[in-house]
Amino acid sequence: GLVQPGGSLNLSCVVSGDIFGIGAMGWYRQ
């Protein structure tokens, strides 16, 4: 979303499906 400088946000991500063997999870940005 939109936030002012100094503000906070919390991102969430739920993964499902063929998740067997998933070794790492995280966030990239562009």
Full PDB file with SEQRES, HELIX, SHEET, SSBOND, CRYST1, ORIGX, SCALE, CONECT and MASTER records, all heavy atoms in Angstrom:
SEQRES   1 A   30  GLY LEU VAL GLN PRO GLY GLY SER LEU ASN LEU SER CYS          
SEQRES   2 A   30  VAL VAL SER GLY ASP ILE PHE GLY ILE GLY ALA MET GLY          
SEQRES   3 A   30  TRP TYR ARG GLN                                              
CRYST1    1.000    1.000    1.000  90.00  90.00  90.00 P 1           1          
ORIGX1      1.000000  0.000000  0.000000        0.00000                         
ORIGX2      0.000000  1.000000  0.000000        0.00000                         
ORIGX3      0.000000  0.000000  1.000000        0.00000                         
SCALE1      1.000000  0.000000  0.000000        0.00000                         
SCALE2      0.000000  1.000000  0.000000        0.00000                         
SCALE3      0.000000  0.000000  1.000000        0.00000                         
ATOM      1  N   GLY A   1       0.808  -1.205   0.000  1.00  0.00           N  
ATOM      2  CA  GLY A   1       0.000   0.000   0.000  1.00  0.00           C  
ATOM      3  C   GLY A   1       0.836   1.247   0.000  1.00  0.00           C  
ATOM      4  O   GLY A   1       2.044   1.208  -0.256  1.00  0.00           O  
ATOM      5  N   LEU A   2       0.179   2.347   0.292  1.00  0.00           N  
ATOM      6  CA  LEU A   2       0.825   3.657   0.348  1.00  0.00           C  
ATOM      7  C   LEU A   2       1.034   4.041   1.806  1.00  0.00           C  
ATOM      8  O   LEU A   2       0.103   3.954   2.616  1.00  0.00           O  
ATOM      9  CB  LEU A   2      -0.054   4.694  -0.352  1.00  0.00           C  
ATOM     10  CG  LEU A   2       0.370   6.156  -0.245  1.00  0.00           C  
ATOM     11  CD1 LEU A   2       1.711   6.387  -0.934  1.00  0.00           C  
ATOM     12  CD2 LEU A   2      -0.710   7.064  -0.833  1.00  0.00           C  
ATOM     13  N   VAL A   3       2.236   4.477   2.118  1.00  0.00           N  
ATOM     14  CA  VAL A   3       2.558   4.864   3.489  1.00  0.00           C  
ATOM     15  C   VAL A   3       3.493   6.062   3.452  1.00  0.00           C  
ATOM     16  O   VAL A   3       4.273   6.224   2.504  1.00  0.00           O  
ATOM     17  CB  VAL A   3       3.183   3.673   4.244  1.00  0.00           C  
ATOM     18  CG1 VAL A   3       4.519   3.275   3.650  1.00  0.00           C  
ATOM     19  CG2 VAL A   3       3.317   3.954   5.727  1.00  0.00           C  
ATOM     20  N   GLN A   4       3.415   6.880   4.478  1.00  0.00           N  
ATOM     21  CA  GLN A   4       4.310   8.035   4.569  1.00  0.00           C  
ATOM     22  C   GLN A   4       5.687   7.599   5.065  1.00  0.00           C  
ATOM     23  O   GLN A   4       5.809   6.573   5.750  1.00  0.00           O  
ATOM     24  CB  GLN A   4       3.713   9.073   5.513  1.00  0.00           C  
ATOM     25  CG  GLN A   4       2.450   9.720   4.987  1.00  0.00           C  
ATOM     26  CD  GLN A   4       1.985  10.853   5.882  1.00  0.00           C  
ATOM     27  OE1 GLN A   4       2.373  10.953   7.037  1.00  0.00           O  
ATOM     28  NE2 GLN A   4       1.144  11.714   5.339  1.00  0.00           N  
ATOM     29  N   PRO A   5       6.714   8.378   4.754  1.00  0.00           N  
ATOM     30  CA  PRO A   5       8.048   8.061   5.296  1.00  0.00           C  
ATOM     31  C   PRO A   5       8.011   7.938   6.812  1.00  0.00           C  
ATOM     32  O   PRO A   5       7.357   8.733   7.493  1.00  0.00           O  
ATOM     33  CB  PRO A   5       8.890   9.263   4.856  1.00  0.00           C  
ATOM     34  CG  PRO A   5       8.227   9.733   3.603  1.00  0.00           C  
ATOM     35  CD  PRO A   5       6.749   9.530   3.835  1.00  0.00           C  
ATOM     36  N   GLY A   6       8.697   6.921   7.310  1.00  0.00           N  
ATOM     37  CA  GLY A   6       8.671   6.632   8.738  1.00  0.00           C  
ATOM     38  C   GLY A   6       7.582   5.678   9.154  1.00  0.00           C  
ATOM     39  O   GLY A   6       7.571   5.210  10.301  1.00  0.00           O  
ATOM     40  N   GLY A   7       6.681   5.372   8.250  1.00  0.00           N  
ATOM     41  CA  GLY A   7       5.574   4.491   8.559  1.00  0.00           C  
ATOM     42  C   GLY A   7       5.939   3.018   8.469  1.00  0.00           C  
ATOM     43  O   GLY A   7       7.096   2.652   8.194  1.00  0.00           O  
ATOM     44  N   SER A   8       4.933   2.172   8.684  1.00  0.00           N  
ATOM     45  CA  SER A   8       5.142   0.723   8.716  1.00  0.00           C  
ATOM     46  C   SER A   8       4.107   0.015   7.863  1.00  0.00           C  
ATOM     47  O   SER A   8       2.984   0.494   7.677  1.00  0.00           O  
ATOM     48  CB  SER A   8       5.028   0.210  10.155  1.00  0.00           C  
ATOM     49  OG  SER A   8       6.006   0.766  10.993  1.00  0.00           O  
ATOM     50  N   LEU A   9       4.513  -1.133   7.368  1.00  0.00           N  
ATOM     51  CA  LEU A   9       3.614  -2.056   6.674  1.00  0.00           C  
ATOM     52  C   LEU A   9       4.023  -3.476   7.025  1.00  0.00           C  
ATOM     53  O   LEU A   9       5.200  -3.746   7.325  1.00  0.00           O  
ATOM     54  CB  LEU A   9       3.680  -1.881   5.155  1.00  0.00           C  
ATOM     55  CG  LEU A   9       3.020  -0.659   4.540  1.00  0.00           C  
ATOM     56  CD1 LEU A   9       3.361  -0.574   3.048  1.00  0.00           C  
ATOM     57  CD2 LEU A   9       1.520  -0.676   4.735  1.00  0.00           C  
ATOM     58  N   ASN A  10       3.073  -4.385   6.940  1.00  0.00           N  
ATOM     59  CA  ASN A  10       3.369  -5.797   7.173  1.00  0.00           C  
ATOM     60  C   ASN A  10       2.878  -6.593   5.968  1.00  0.00           C  
ATOM     61  O   ASN A  10       1.681  -6.591   5.674  1.00  0.00           O  
ATOM     62  CB  ASN A  10       2.679  -6.298   8.442  1.00  0.00           C  
ATOM     63  CG  ASN A  10       3.114  -7.693   8.814  1.00  0.00           C  
ATOM     64  OD1 ASN A  10       4.283  -8.036   8.685  1.00  0.00           O  
ATOM     65  ND2 ASN A  10       2.193  -8.505   9.251  1.00  0.00           N  
ATOM     66  N   LEU A  11       3.802  -7.220   5.282  1.00  0.00           N  
ATOM     67  CA  LEU A  11       3.460  -8.043   4.122  1.00  0.00           C  
ATOM     68  C   LEU A  11       3.254  -9.491   4.557  1.00  0.00           C  
ATOM     69  O   LEU A  11       3.981 -10.001   5.429  1.00  0.00           O  
ATOM     70  CB  LEU A  11       4.563  -7.992   3.071  1.00  0.00           C  
ATOM     71  CG  LEU A  11       4.978  -6.608   2.574  1.00  0.00           C  
ATOM     72  CD1 LEU A  11       6.021  -6.757   1.457  1.00  0.00           C  
ATOM     73  CD2 LEU A  11       3.796  -5.814   2.096  1.00  0.00           C  
ATOM     74  N   SER A  12       2.277 -10.135   3.949  1.00  0.00           N  
ATOM     75  CA  SER A  12       1.998 -11.542   4.226  1.00  0.00           C  
ATOM     76  C   SER A  12       2.026 -12.339   2.942  1.00  0.00           C  
ATOM     77  O   SER A  12       1.639 -11.831   1.883  1.00  0.00           O  
ATOM     78  CB  SER A  12       0.616 -11.700   4.870  1.00  0.00           C  
ATOM     79  OG  SER A  12       0.543 -11.042   6.095  1.00  0.00           O  
ATOM     80  N   CYS A  13       2.444 -13.586   3.053  1.00  0.00           N  
ATOM     81  CA  CYS A  13       2.477 -14.482   1.892  1.00  0.00           C  
ATOM     82  C   CYS A  13       2.190 -15.896   2.373  1.00  0.00           C  
ATOM     83  O   CYS A  13       2.885 -16.403   3.257  1.00  0.00           O  
ATOM     84  CB  CYS A  13       3.840 -14.411   1.214  1.00  0.00           C  
ATOM     85  SG  CYS A  13       4.070 -15.619  -0.123  1.00  0.00           S  
ATOM     86  N   VAL A  14       1.160 -16.489   1.802  1.00  0.00           N  
ATOM     87  CA  VAL A  14       0.837 -17.880   2.096  1.00  0.00           C  
ATOM     88  C   VAL A  14       1.074 -18.699   0.835  1.00  0.00           C  
ATOM     89  O   VAL A  14       0.582 -18.349  -0.246  1.00  0.00           O  
ATOM     90  CB  VAL A  14      -0.621 -18.031   2.563  1.00  0.00           C  
ATOM     91  CG1 VAL A  14      -0.949 -19.493   2.808  1.00  0.00           C  
ATOM     92  CG2 VAL A  14      -0.851 -17.218   3.823  1.00  0.00           C  
ATOM     93  N   VAL A  15       1.813 -19.783   0.996  1.00  0.00           N  
ATOM     94  CA  VAL A  15       2.188 -20.632  -0.135  1.00  0.00           C  
ATOM     95  C   VAL A  15       1.429 -21.953  -0.039  1.00  0.00           C  
ATOM     96  O   VAL A  15       1.307 -22.528   1.054  1.00  0.00           O  
ATOM     97  CB  VAL A  15       3.707 -20.888  -0.136  1.00  0.00           C  
ATOM     98  CG1 VAL A  15       4.098 -21.753  -1.330  1.00  0.00           C  
ATOM     99  CG2 VAL A  15       4.464 -19.572  -0.178  1.00  0.00           C  
ATOM    100  N   SER A  16       0.935 -22.429  -1.152  1.00  0.00           N  
ATOM    101  CA  SER A  16       0.201 -23.694  -1.170  1.00  0.00           C  
ATOM    102  C   SER A  16       0.513 -24.449  -2.455  1.00  0.00           C  
ATOM    103  O   SER A  16       1.230 -23.963  -3.326  1.00  0.00           O  
ATOM    104  CB  SER A  16      -1.300 -23.437  -1.043  1.00  0.00           C  
ATOM    105  OG  SER A  16      -1.768 -22.673  -2.135  1.00  0.00           O  
ATOM    106  N   GLY A  17      -0.046 -25.644  -2.547  1.00  0.00           N  
ATOM    107  CA  GLY A  17       0.174 -26.457  -3.742  1.00  0.00           C  
ATOM    108  C   GLY A  17       1.307 -27.443  -3.549  1.00  0.00           C  
ATOM    109  O   GLY A  17       1.449 -28.041  -2.482  1.00  0.00           O  
ATOM    110  N   ASP A  18       2.145 -27.581  -4.536  1.00  0.00           N  
ATOM    111  CA  ASP A  18       3.263 -28.532  -4.524  1.00  0.00           C  
ATOM    112  C   ASP A  18       4.438 -27.928  -3.754  1.00  0.00           C  
ATOM    113  O   ASP A  18       5.376 -27.400  -4.340  1.00  0.00           O  
ATOM    114  CB  ASP A  18       3.672 -28.869  -5.953  1.00  0.00           C  
ATOM    115  CG  ASP A  18       4.826 -29.843  -6.000  1.00  0.00           C  
ATOM    116  OD1 ASP A  18       5.104 -30.503  -4.973  1.00  0.00           O  
ATOM    117  OD2 ASP A  18       5.475 -29.943  -7.056  1.00  0.00           O  
ATOM    118  N   ILE A  19       4.368 -27.969  -2.433  1.00  0.00           N  
ATOM    119  CA  ILE A  19       5.368 -27.285  -1.610  1.00  0.00           C  
ATOM    120  C   ILE A  19       6.383 -28.245  -1.009  1.00  0.00           C  
ATOM    121  O   ILE A  19       7.255 -27.824  -0.248  1.00  0.00           O  
ATOM    122  CB  ILE A  19       4.710 -26.461  -0.498  1.00  0.00           C  
ATOM    123  CG1 ILE A  19       3.889 -27.385   0.414  1.00  0.00           C  
ATOM    124  CG2 ILE A  19       3.847 -25.355  -1.085  1.00  0.00           C  
ATOM    125  CD1 ILE A  19       3.354 -26.674   1.651  1.00  0.00           C  
ATOM    126  N   PHE A  20       6.307 -29.521  -1.370  1.00  0.00           N  
ATOM    127  CA  PHE A  20       7.275 -30.475  -0.830  1.00  0.00           C  
ATOM    128  C   PHE A  20       8.679 -30.074  -1.273  1.00  0.00           C  
ATOM    129  O   PHE A  20       8.919 -29.796  -2.440  1.00  0.00           O  
ATOM    130  CB  PHE A  20       6.957 -31.887  -1.321  1.00  0.00           C  
ATOM    131  CG  PHE A  20       7.933 -32.917  -0.824  1.00  0.00           C  
ATOM    132  CD1 PHE A  20       7.831 -33.407   0.472  1.00  0.00           C  
ATOM    133  CD2 PHE A  20       8.972 -33.370  -1.621  1.00  0.00           C  
ATOM    134  CE1 PHE A  20       8.730 -34.349   0.946  1.00  0.00           C  
ATOM    135  CE2 PHE A  20       9.884 -34.303  -1.159  1.00  0.00           C  
ATOM    136  CZ  PHE A  20       9.751 -34.796   0.120  1.00  0.00           C  
ATOM    137  N   GLY A  21       9.600 -30.043  -0.316  1.00  0.00           N  
ATOM    138  CA  GLY A  21      10.982 -29.736  -0.651  1.00  0.00           C  
ATOM    139  C   GLY A  21      11.338 -28.265  -0.685  1.00  0.00           C  
ATOM    140  O   GLY A  21      12.487 -27.909  -0.991  1.00  0.00           O  
ATOM    141  N   ILE A  22      10.382 -27.399  -0.369  1.00  0.00           N  
ATOM    142  CA  ILE A  22      10.684 -25.964  -0.315  1.00  0.00           C  
ATOM    143  C   ILE A  22      11.676 -25.716   0.821  1.00  0.00           C  
ATOM    144  O   ILE A  22      11.400 -26.059   1.963  1.00  0.00           O  
ATOM    145  CB  ILE A  22       9.427 -25.131  -0.104  1.00  0.00           C  
ATOM    146  CG1 ILE A  22       8.491 -25.261  -1.316  1.00  0.00           C  
ATOM    147  CG2 ILE A  22       9.769 -23.659   0.150  1.00  0.00           C  
ATOM    148  CD1 ILE A  22       9.031 -24.667  -2.595  1.00  0.00           C  
ATOM    149  N   GLY A  23      12.828 -25.132   0.512  1.00  0.00           N  
ATOM    150  CA  GLY A  23      13.873 -24.956   1.511  1.00  0.00           C  
ATOM    151  C   GLY A  23      14.044 -23.535   1.995  1.00  0.00           C  
ATOM    152  O   GLY A  23      14.612 -23.297   3.055  1.00  0.00           O  
ATOM    153  N   ALA A  24      13.584 -22.588   1.214  1.00  0.00           N  
ATOM    154  CA  ALA A  24      13.736 -21.193   1.604  1.00  0.00           C  
ATOM    155  C   ALA A  24      12.524 -20.409   1.111  1.00  0.00           C  
ATOM    156  O   ALA A  24      11.932 -20.740   0.079  1.00  0.00           O  
ATOM    157  CB  ALA A  24      15.005 -20.587   1.011  1.00  0.00           C  
ATOM    158  N   MET A  25      12.168 -19.407   1.892  1.00  0.00           N  
ATOM    159  CA  MET A  25      11.099 -18.505   1.494  1.00  0.00           C  
ATOM    160  C   MET A  25      11.512 -17.098   1.870  1.00  0.00           C  
ATOM    161  O   MET A  25      12.312 -16.903   2.798  1.00  0.00           O  
ATOM    162  CB  MET A  25       9.784 -18.861   2.199  1.00  0.00           C  
ATOM    163  CG  MET A  25       9.205 -20.186   1.777  1.00  0.00           C  
ATOM    164  SD  MET A  25       7.696 -20.588   2.695  1.00  0.00           S  
ATOM    165  CE  MET A  25       6.613 -19.247   2.205  1.00  0.00           C  
ATOM    166  N   GLY A  26      10.965 -16.137   1.187  1.00  0.00           N  
ATOM    167  CA  GLY A  26      11.317 -14.773   1.543  1.00  0.00           C  
ATOM    168  C   GLY A  26      10.735 -13.776   0.583  1.00  0.00           C  
ATOM    169  O   GLY A  26       9.724 -14.040  -0.080  1.00  0.00           O  
ATOM    170  N   TRP A  27      11.405 -12.631   0.505  1.00  0.00           N  
ATOM    171  CA  TRP A  27      10.911 -11.502  -0.275  1.00  0.00           C  
ATOM    172  C   TRP A  27      12.026 -10.881  -1.107  1.00  0.00           C  
ATOM    173  O   TRP A  27      13.136 -10.670  -0.604  1.00  0.00           O  
ATOM    174  CB  TRP A  27      10.346 -10.428   0.658  1.00  0.00           C  
ATOM    175  CG  TRP A  27       9.185 -10.906   1.455  1.00  0.00           C  
ATOM    176  CD1 TRP A  27       9.213 -11.529   2.671  1.00  0.00           C  
ATOM    177  CD2 TRP A  27       7.804 -10.823   1.097  1.00  0.00           C  
ATOM    178  NE1 TRP A  27       7.941 -11.832   3.082  1.00  0.00           N  
ATOM    179  CE2 TRP A  27       7.055 -11.398   2.129  1.00  0.00           C  
ATOM    180  CE3 TRP A  27       7.122 -10.282  -0.003  1.00  0.00           C  
ATOM    181  CZ2 TRP A  27       5.667 -11.470   2.105  1.00  0.00           C  
ATOM    182  CZ3 TRP A  27       5.750 -10.355  -0.029  1.00  0.00           C  
ATOM    183  CH2 TRP A  27       5.019 -10.943   1.010  1.00  0.00           C  
ATOM    184  N   TYR A  28      11.705 -10.599  -2.340  1.00  0.00           N  
ATOM    185  CA  TYR A  28      12.506  -9.760  -3.210  1.00  0.00           C  
ATOM    186  C   TYR A  28      11.697  -8.484  -3.482  1.00  0.00           C  
ATOM    187  O   TYR A  28      10.502  -8.434  -3.232  1.00  0.00           O  
ATOM    188  CB  TYR A  28      12.775 -10.450  -4.548  1.00  0.00           C  
ATOM    189  CG  TYR A  28      13.938 -11.403  -4.562  1.00  0.00           C  
ATOM    190  CD1 TYR A  28      13.870 -12.628  -3.896  1.00  0.00           C  
ATOM    191  CD2 TYR A  28      15.098 -11.110  -5.273  1.00  0.00           C  
ATOM    192  CE1 TYR A  28      14.929 -13.520  -3.934  1.00  0.00           C  
ATOM    193  CE2 TYR A  28      16.165 -11.994  -5.320  1.00  0.00           C  
ATOM    194  CZ  TYR A  28      16.064 -13.203  -4.647  1.00  0.00           C  
ATOM    195  OH  TYR A  28      17.115 -14.089  -4.688  1.00  0.00           O  
ATOM    196  N   ARG A  29      12.379  -7.491  -4.014  1.00  0.00           N  
ATOM    197  CA  ARG A  29      11.676  -6.294  -4.464  1.00  0.00           C  
ATOM    198  C   ARG A  29      12.304  -5.776  -5.749  1.00  0.00           C  
ATOM    199  O   ARG A  29      13.478  -6.027  -6.027  1.00  0.00           O  
ATOM    200  CB  ARG A  29      11.675  -5.196  -3.401  1.00  0.00           C  
ATOM    201  CG  ARG A  29      13.040  -4.592  -3.106  1.00  0.00           C  
ATOM    202  CD  ARG A  29      12.936  -3.604  -1.951  1.00  0.00           C  
ATOM    203  NE  ARG A  29      14.235  -3.012  -1.636  1.00  0.00           N  
ATOM    204  CZ  ARG A  29      14.449  -2.222  -0.584  1.00  0.00           C  
ATOM    205  NH1 ARG A  29      13.445  -1.918   0.250  1.00  0.00           N  
ATOM    206  NH2 ARG A  29      15.647  -1.728  -0.363  1.00  0.00           N  
ATOM    207  N   GLN A  30      11.490  -5.052  -6.502  1.00  0.00           N  
ATOM    208  CA  GLN A  30      11.965  -4.465  -7.749  1.00  0.00           C  
ATOM    209  C   GLN A  30      11.384  -3.072  -7.894  1.00  0.00           C  
ATOM    210  O   GLN A  30      10.161  -2.903  -7.981  1.00  0.00           O  
ATOM    211  CB  GLN A  30      11.590  -5.328  -8.947  1.00  0.00           C  
ATOM    212  CG  GLN A  30      12.205  -4.872 -10.257  1.00  0.00           C  
ATOM    213  CD  GLN A  30      12.086  -5.905 -11.356  1.00  0.00           C  
ATOM    214  OE1 GLN A  30      11.278  -6.813 -11.285  1.00  0.00           O  
ATOM    215  NE2 GLN A  30      12.920  -5.771 -12.378  1.00  0.00           N  
TER     216      GLN A  30                                                      
MASTER        0    0    0    0    0    0    0    6  215    1    0    3          
END                                                                             
